[in-house]
Amino acid sequence: MIKNTTRNQKFGWVLFVMYLIALTYFMFFAEAMGRTGNTQAGYAYNLELFKEIRRFYVYRHQLGWKAVTLNLGGNVVGFMPFGFFLPIVSRRGRKWYNALLLGFFLSLCIEITQLVFKVGSFDVDDLLLNTIGGILGFCCYKIVQKVRIRRKLRARKESETAYLGE
């Protein structure tokens, strides 16, 4: 870590690293997520955009809402912390296009690793959903920042008014 970081940035780094560890676990090792490490399985991949999303939507009644939510919503929600913490730990992450690109590249690395090690499957729909999650996390960061700035300005005005009023 850089020694000129604030306390909040250091805390953000700790949370970011914990998130990356949890993400790695769920993507590659969680048996509850179907990650059994079966090296005998063949390569599984989907290169057609919206194919799996459409399949999950069309067969939602047979698959059950839990499977649909876990797959579609989980890919989005799973990358929201990345988009949220990235601008906290990196100045470059404060630009929306950097958050978009880094979220996409992290997702691409995960998908390629899943394909190479035969844990999960390479799916372009996952790339899309993960990237959307990263951007939504970035939007949440921006909203939180705006609220923080408004509160600081309001507190400063109130303290100035109280000081002048005395």
C-alpha atoms as a PDB file:
ATOM      1  CA  MET A   1       0.000   0.000   0.000  1.00  0.00           C
ATOM      2  CA  ILE A   2       1.053   3.551  -0.583  1.00  0.00           C
ATOM      3  CA  LYS A   3       1.947   5.407   2.600  1.00  0.00           C
ATOM      4  CA  ASN A   4      -0.038   8.506   1.562  1.00  0.00           C
ATOM      5  CA  THR A   5      -3.354   6.684   1.642  1.00  0.00           C
ATOM      6  CA  THR A   6      -6.102   7.736   4.000  1.00  0.00           C
ATOM      7  CA  ARG A   7      -7.597   5.547   6.683  1.00  0.00           C
ATOM      8  CA  ASN A   8     -10.689   5.021   4.513  1.00  0.00           C
ATOM      9  CA  GLN A   9      -8.540   3.980   1.541  1.00  0.00           C
ATOM     10  CA  LYS A  10      -6.655   1.464   3.678  1.00  0.00           C
ATOM     11  CA  PHE A  11      -9.946   0.064   4.944  1.00  0.00           C
ATOM     12  CA  GLY A  12     -11.153  -0.020   1.334  1.00  0.00           C
ATOM     13  CA  TRP A  13      -8.050  -2.027   0.378  1.00  0.00           C
ATOM     14  CA  VAL A  14      -8.721  -4.541   3.146  1.00  0.00           C
ATOM     15  CA  LEU A  15     -12.341  -4.953   2.025  1.00  0.00           C
ATOM     16  CA  PHE A  16     -11.284  -5.135  -1.634  1.00  0.00           C
ATOM     17  CA  VAL A  17      -8.779  -7.922  -0.958  1.00  0.00           C
ATOM     18  CA  MET A  18     -11.337  -9.804   1.157  1.00  0.00           C
ATOM     19  CA  TYR A  19     -13.828  -9.455  -1.703  1.00  0.00           C
ATOM     20  CA  LEU A  20     -11.307 -10.809  -4.230  1.00  0.00           C
ATOM     21  CA  ILE A  21     -10.580 -13.793  -1.972  1.00  0.00           C
ATOM     22  CA  ALA A  22     -14.305 -14.518  -1.605  1.00  0.00           C
ATOM     23  CA  LEU A  23     -14.822 -14.098  -5.362  1.00  0.00           C
ATOM     24  CA  THR A  24     -11.985 -16.542  -6.072  1.00  0.00           C
ATOM     25  CA  TYR A  25     -13.479 -19.050  -3.651  1.00  0.00           C
ATOM     26  CA  PHE A  26     -16.970 -18.864  -5.151  1.00  0.00           C
ATOM     27  CA  MET A  27     -15.717 -18.934  -8.753  1.00  0.00           C
ATOM     28  CA  PHE A  28     -13.329 -21.853  -8.385  1.00  0.00           C
ATOM     29  CA  PHE A  29     -13.747 -23.813  -5.152  1.00  0.00           C
ATOM     30  CA  ALA A  30     -17.319 -23.590  -3.799  1.00  0.00           C
ATOM     31  CA  GLU A  31     -18.890 -27.026  -4.070  1.00  0.00           C
ATOM     32  CA  ALA A  32     -22.314 -25.488  -3.449  1.00  0.00           C
ATOM     33  CA  MET A  33     -21.798 -23.575  -6.713  1.00  0.00           C
ATOM     34  CA  GLY A  34     -21.028 -26.764  -8.626  1.00  0.00           C
ATOM     35  CA  ARG A  35     -17.253 -26.350  -8.476  1.00  0.00           C
ATOM     36  CA  THR A  36     -16.144 -29.917  -7.897  1.00  0.00           C
ATOM     37  CA  GLY A  37     -12.843 -29.765  -9.753  1.00  0.00           C
ATOM     38  CA  ASN A  38     -13.796 -32.615 -12.072  1.00  0.00           C
ATOM     39  CA  THR A  39     -10.841 -32.602 -14.452  1.00  0.00           C
ATOM     40  CA  GLN A  40     -12.413 -35.356 -16.573  1.00  0.00           C
ATOM     41  CA  ALA A  41     -15.136 -33.018 -17.785  1.00  0.00           C
ATOM     42  CA  GLY A  42     -14.837 -31.601 -21.286  1.00  0.00           C
ATOM     43  CA  TYR A  43     -14.552 -27.987 -22.177  1.00  0.00           C
ATOM     44  CA  ALA A  44     -17.804 -26.101 -21.790  1.00  0.00           C
ATOM     45  CA  TYR A  45     -18.264 -22.737 -23.389  1.00  0.00           C
ATOM     46  CA  ASN A  46     -20.881 -20.399 -24.830  1.00  0.00           C
ATOM     47  CA  LEU A  47     -19.834 -17.823 -27.408  1.00  0.00           C
ATOM     48  CA  GLU A  48     -23.356 -16.737 -28.402  1.00  0.00           C
ATOM     49  CA  LEU A  49     -24.448 -13.563 -26.616  1.00  0.00           C
ATOM     50  CA  PHE A  50     -27.773 -13.853 -24.719  1.00  0.00           C
ATOM     51  CA  LYS A  51     -27.990 -17.634 -25.304  1.00  0.00           C
ATOM     52  CA  GLU A  52     -27.781 -18.617 -21.612  1.00  0.00           C
ATOM     53  CA  ILE A  53     -29.738 -15.576 -20.454  1.00  0.00           C
ATOM     54  CA  ARG A  54     -32.527 -16.509 -22.868  1.00  0.00           C
ATOM     55  CA  ARG A  55     -32.368 -20.172 -21.809  1.00  0.00           C
ATOM     56  CA  PHE A  56     -32.654 -19.259 -18.131  1.00  0.00           C
ATOM     57  CA  TYR A  57     -35.605 -16.988 -18.904  1.00  0.00           C
ATOM     58  CA  VAL A  58     -37.450 -19.445 -21.156  1.00  0.00           C
ATOM     59  CA  TYR A  59     -37.001 -22.396 -18.771  1.00  0.00           C
ATOM     60  CA  ARG A  60     -37.363 -20.396 -15.540  1.00  0.00           C
ATOM     61  CA  HIS A  61     -40.360 -22.489 -14.422  1.00  0.00           C
ATOM     62  CA  GLN A  62     -38.524 -25.790 -14.903  1.00  0.00           C
ATOM     63  CA  LEU A  63     -35.228 -24.541 -13.487  1.00  0.00           C
ATOM     64  CA  GLY A  64     -36.839 -22.704 -10.583  1.00  0.00           C
ATOM     65  CA  TRP A  65     -36.442 -19.107  -9.553  1.00  0.00           C
ATOM     66  CA  LYS A  66     -33.538 -19.944  -7.259  1.00  0.00           C
ATOM     67  CA  ALA A  67     -31.389 -21.191 -10.159  1.00  0.00           C
ATOM     68  CA  VAL A  68     -32.391 -18.270 -12.381  1.00  0.00           C
ATOM     69  CA  THR A  69     -31.717 -15.695  -9.672  1.00  0.00           C
ATOM     70  CA  LEU A  70     -28.448 -17.327  -8.643  1.00  0.00           C
ATOM     71  CA  ASN A  71     -27.142 -17.411 -12.199  1.00  0.00           C
ATOM     72  CA  LEU A  72     -28.359 -14.127 -13.631  1.00  0.00           C
ATOM     73  CA  GLY A  73     -28.557 -12.010 -10.483  1.00  0.00           C
ATOM     74  CA  GLY A  74     -25.508 -13.610  -8.909  1.00  0.00           C
ATOM     75  CA  ASN A  75     -23.304 -12.637 -11.843  1.00  0.00           C
ATOM     76  CA  VAL A  76     -24.427  -9.023 -11.577  1.00  0.00           C
ATOM     77  CA  VAL A  77     -24.390  -8.756  -7.768  1.00  0.00           C
ATOM     78  CA  GLY A  78     -21.122 -10.680  -7.526  1.00  0.00           C
ATOM     79  CA  PHE A  79     -19.257  -7.948  -9.411  1.00  0.00           C
ATOM     80  CA  MET A  80     -20.894  -4.923  -7.809  1.00  0.00           C
ATOM     81  CA  PRO A  81     -18.322  -4.801  -4.979  1.00  0.00           C
ATOM     82  CA  PHE A  82     -15.547  -4.701  -7.592  1.00  0.00           C
ATOM     83  CA  GLY A  83     -17.047  -1.596  -9.187  1.00  0.00           C
ATOM     84  CA  PHE A  84     -17.683  -0.051  -5.782  1.00  0.00           C
ATOM     85  CA  PHE A  85     -14.235  -0.609  -4.263  1.00  0.00           C
ATOM     86  CA  LEU A  86     -12.178   0.045  -7.397  1.00  0.00           C
ATOM     87  CA  PRO A  87     -12.475   3.867  -7.205  1.00  0.00           C
ATOM     88  CA  ILE A  88     -11.656   3.717  -3.494  1.00  0.00           C
ATOM     89  CA  VAL A  89      -8.389   1.831  -3.985  1.00  0.00           C
ATOM     90  CA  SER A  90      -7.311   3.372  -7.304  1.00  0.00           C
ATOM     91  CA  ARG A  91      -7.488   6.890  -8.681  1.00  0.00           C
ATOM     92  CA  ARG A  92      -7.702   5.449 -12.189  1.00  0.00           C
ATOM     93  CA  GLY A  93     -10.775   3.507 -11.106  1.00  0.00           C
ATOM     94  CA  ARG A  94     -12.639   6.780 -10.597  1.00  0.00           C
ATOM     95  CA  LYS A  95     -13.279   7.067 -14.330  1.00  0.00           C
ATOM     96  CA  TRP A  96     -16.338   5.109 -15.486  1.00  0.00           C
ATOM     97  CA  TYR A  97     -14.619   3.743 -18.580  1.00  0.00           C
ATOM     98  CA  ASN A  98     -11.704   2.387 -16.506  1.00  0.00           C
ATOM     99  CA  ALA A  99     -14.162   0.693 -14.154  1.00  0.00           C
ATOM    100  CA  LEU A 100     -15.945  -0.785 -17.173  1.00  0.00           C
ATOM    101  CA  LEU A 101     -12.733  -2.052 -18.779  1.00  0.00           C
ATOM    102  CA  LEU A 102     -11.219  -3.413 -15.566  1.00  0.00           C
ATOM    103  CA  GLY A 103     -14.489  -5.149 -14.659  1.00  0.00           C
ATOM    104  CA  PHE A 104     -14.621  -6.688 -18.118  1.00  0.00           C
ATOM    105  CA  PHE A 105     -10.981  -7.816 -17.996  1.00  0.00           C
ATOM    106  CA  LEU A 106     -11.329  -9.331 -14.517  1.00  0.00           C
ATOM    107  CA  SER A 107     -14.406 -11.212 -15.703  1.00  0.00           C
ATOM    108  CA  LEU A 108     -12.564 -12.328 -18.854  1.00  0.00           C
ATOM    109  CA  CYS A 109      -9.654 -13.625 -16.745  1.00  0.00           C
ATOM    110  CA  ILE A 110     -12.064 -15.578 -14.550  1.00  0.00           C
ATOM    111  CA  GLU A 111     -13.909 -17.040 -17.532  1.00  0.00           C
ATOM    112  CA  ILE A 112     -10.668 -18.070 -19.268  1.00  0.00           C
ATOM    113  CA  THR A 113      -9.367 -19.614 -16.037  1.00  0.00           C
ATOM    114  CA  GLN A 114     -12.620 -21.558 -15.666  1.00  0.00           C
ATOM    115  CA  LEU A 115     -12.259 -22.820 -19.222  1.00  0.00           C
ATOM    116  CA  VAL A 116      -8.598 -23.807 -18.902  1.00  0.00           C
ATOM    117  CA  PHE A 117      -8.959 -25.532 -15.532  1.00  0.00           C
ATOM    118  CA  LYS A 118     -12.389 -26.997 -16.409  1.00  0.00           C
ATOM    119  CA  VAL A 119     -14.072 -25.453 -13.387  1.00  0.00           C
ATOM    120  CA  GLY A 120     -17.322 -23.909 -14.518  1.00  0.00           C
ATOM    121  CA  SER A 121     -17.682 -22.825 -18.125  1.00  0.00           C
ATOM    122  CA  PHE A 122     -16.669 -19.954 -20.369  1.00  0.00           C
ATOM    123  CA  ASP A 123     -19.800 -17.915 -21.065  1.00  0.00           C
ATOM    124  CA  VAL A 124     -20.011 -14.570 -22.869  1.00  0.00           C
ATOM    125  CA  ASP A 125     -23.296 -13.926 -21.049  1.00  0.00           C
ATOM    126  CA  ASP A 126     -21.359 -14.076 -17.779  1.00  0.00           C
ATOM    127  CA  LEU A 127     -18.913 -11.517 -19.202  1.00  0.00           C
ATOM    128  CA  LEU A 128     -21.823  -9.206 -19.961  1.00  0.00           C
ATOM    129  CA  LEU A 129     -23.566  -9.695 -16.610  1.00  0.00           C
ATOM    130  CA  ASN A 130     -20.325  -9.328 -14.628  1.00  0.00           C
ATOM    131  CA  THR A 131     -19.434  -6.127 -16.495  1.00  0.00           C
ATOM    132  CA  ILE A 132     -22.915  -4.733 -15.837  1.00  0.00           C
ATOM    133  CA  GLY A 133     -22.446  -5.587 -12.153  1.00  0.00           C
ATOM    134  CA  GLY A 134     -19.118  -3.752 -12.073  1.00  0.00           C
ATOM    135  CA  ILE A 135     -20.684  -0.647 -13.611  1.00  0.00           C
ATOM    136  CA  LEU A 136     -23.645  -0.780 -11.215  1.00  0.00           C
ATOM    137  CA  GLY A 137     -21.181  -0.978  -8.317  1.00  0.00           C
ATOM    138  CA  PHE A 138     -19.367   2.049  -9.743  1.00  0.00           C
ATOM    139  CA  CYS A 139     -22.704   3.917  -9.939  1.00  0.00           C
ATOM    140  CA  CYS A 140     -23.365   3.032  -6.279  1.00  0.00           C
ATOM    141  CA  TYR A 141     -19.936   4.450  -5.396  1.00  0.00           C
ATOM    142  CA  LYS A 142     -20.766   7.697  -7.206  1.00  0.00           C
ATOM    143  CA  ILE A 143     -24.110   7.968  -5.385  1.00  0.00           C
ATOM    144  CA  VAL A 144     -22.452   7.378  -2.006  1.00  0.00           C
ATOM    145  CA  GLN A 145     -19.827  10.016  -2.816  1.00  0.00           C
ATOM    146  CA  LYS A 146     -22.487  12.588  -3.725  1.00  0.00           C
ATOM    147  CA  VAL A 147     -24.345  11.920  -0.473  1.00  0.00           C
ATOM    148  CA  ARG A 148     -21.089  12.228   1.535  1.00  0.00           C
ATOM    149  CA  ILE A 149     -20.219  15.545  -0.138  1.00  0.00           C
ATOM    150  CA  ARG A 150     -23.716  16.942   0.463  1.00  0.00           C
ATOM    151  CA  ARG A 151     -23.551  15.947   4.133  1.00  0.00           C
ATOM    152  CA  LYS A 152     -20.132  17.575   4.546  1.00  0.00           C
ATOM    153  CA  LEU A 153     -21.335  20.784   2.892  1.00  0.00           C
ATOM    154  CA  ARG A 154     -24.500  20.839   4.994  1.00  0.00           C
ATOM    155  CA  ALA A 155     -22.507  20.265   8.200  1.00  0.00           C
ATOM    156  CA  ARG A 156     -20.057  23.021   7.228  1.00  0.00           C
ATOM    157  CA  LYS A 157     -22.924  25.464   6.552  1.00  0.00           C
ATOM    158  CA  GLU A 158     -24.564  24.586   9.861  1.00  0.00           C
ATOM    159  CA  SER A 159     -21.333  25.083  11.790  1.00  0.00           C
ATOM    160  CA  GLU A 160     -20.687  28.421  10.036  1.00  0.00           C
ATOM    161  CA  THR A 161     -24.239  29.542  10.757  1.00  0.00           C
ATOM    162  CA  ALA A 162     -23.940  28.495  14.389  1.00  0.00           C
ATOM    163  CA  TYR A 163     -20.585  30.284  14.664  1.00  0.00           C
ATOM    164  CA  LEU A 164     -21.908  33.494  13.130  1.00  0.00           C
ATOM    165  CA  GLY A 165     -25.127  33.325  15.128  1.00  0.00           C
ATOM    166  CA  GLU A 166     -23.343  33.303  18.492  1.00  0.00           C
END
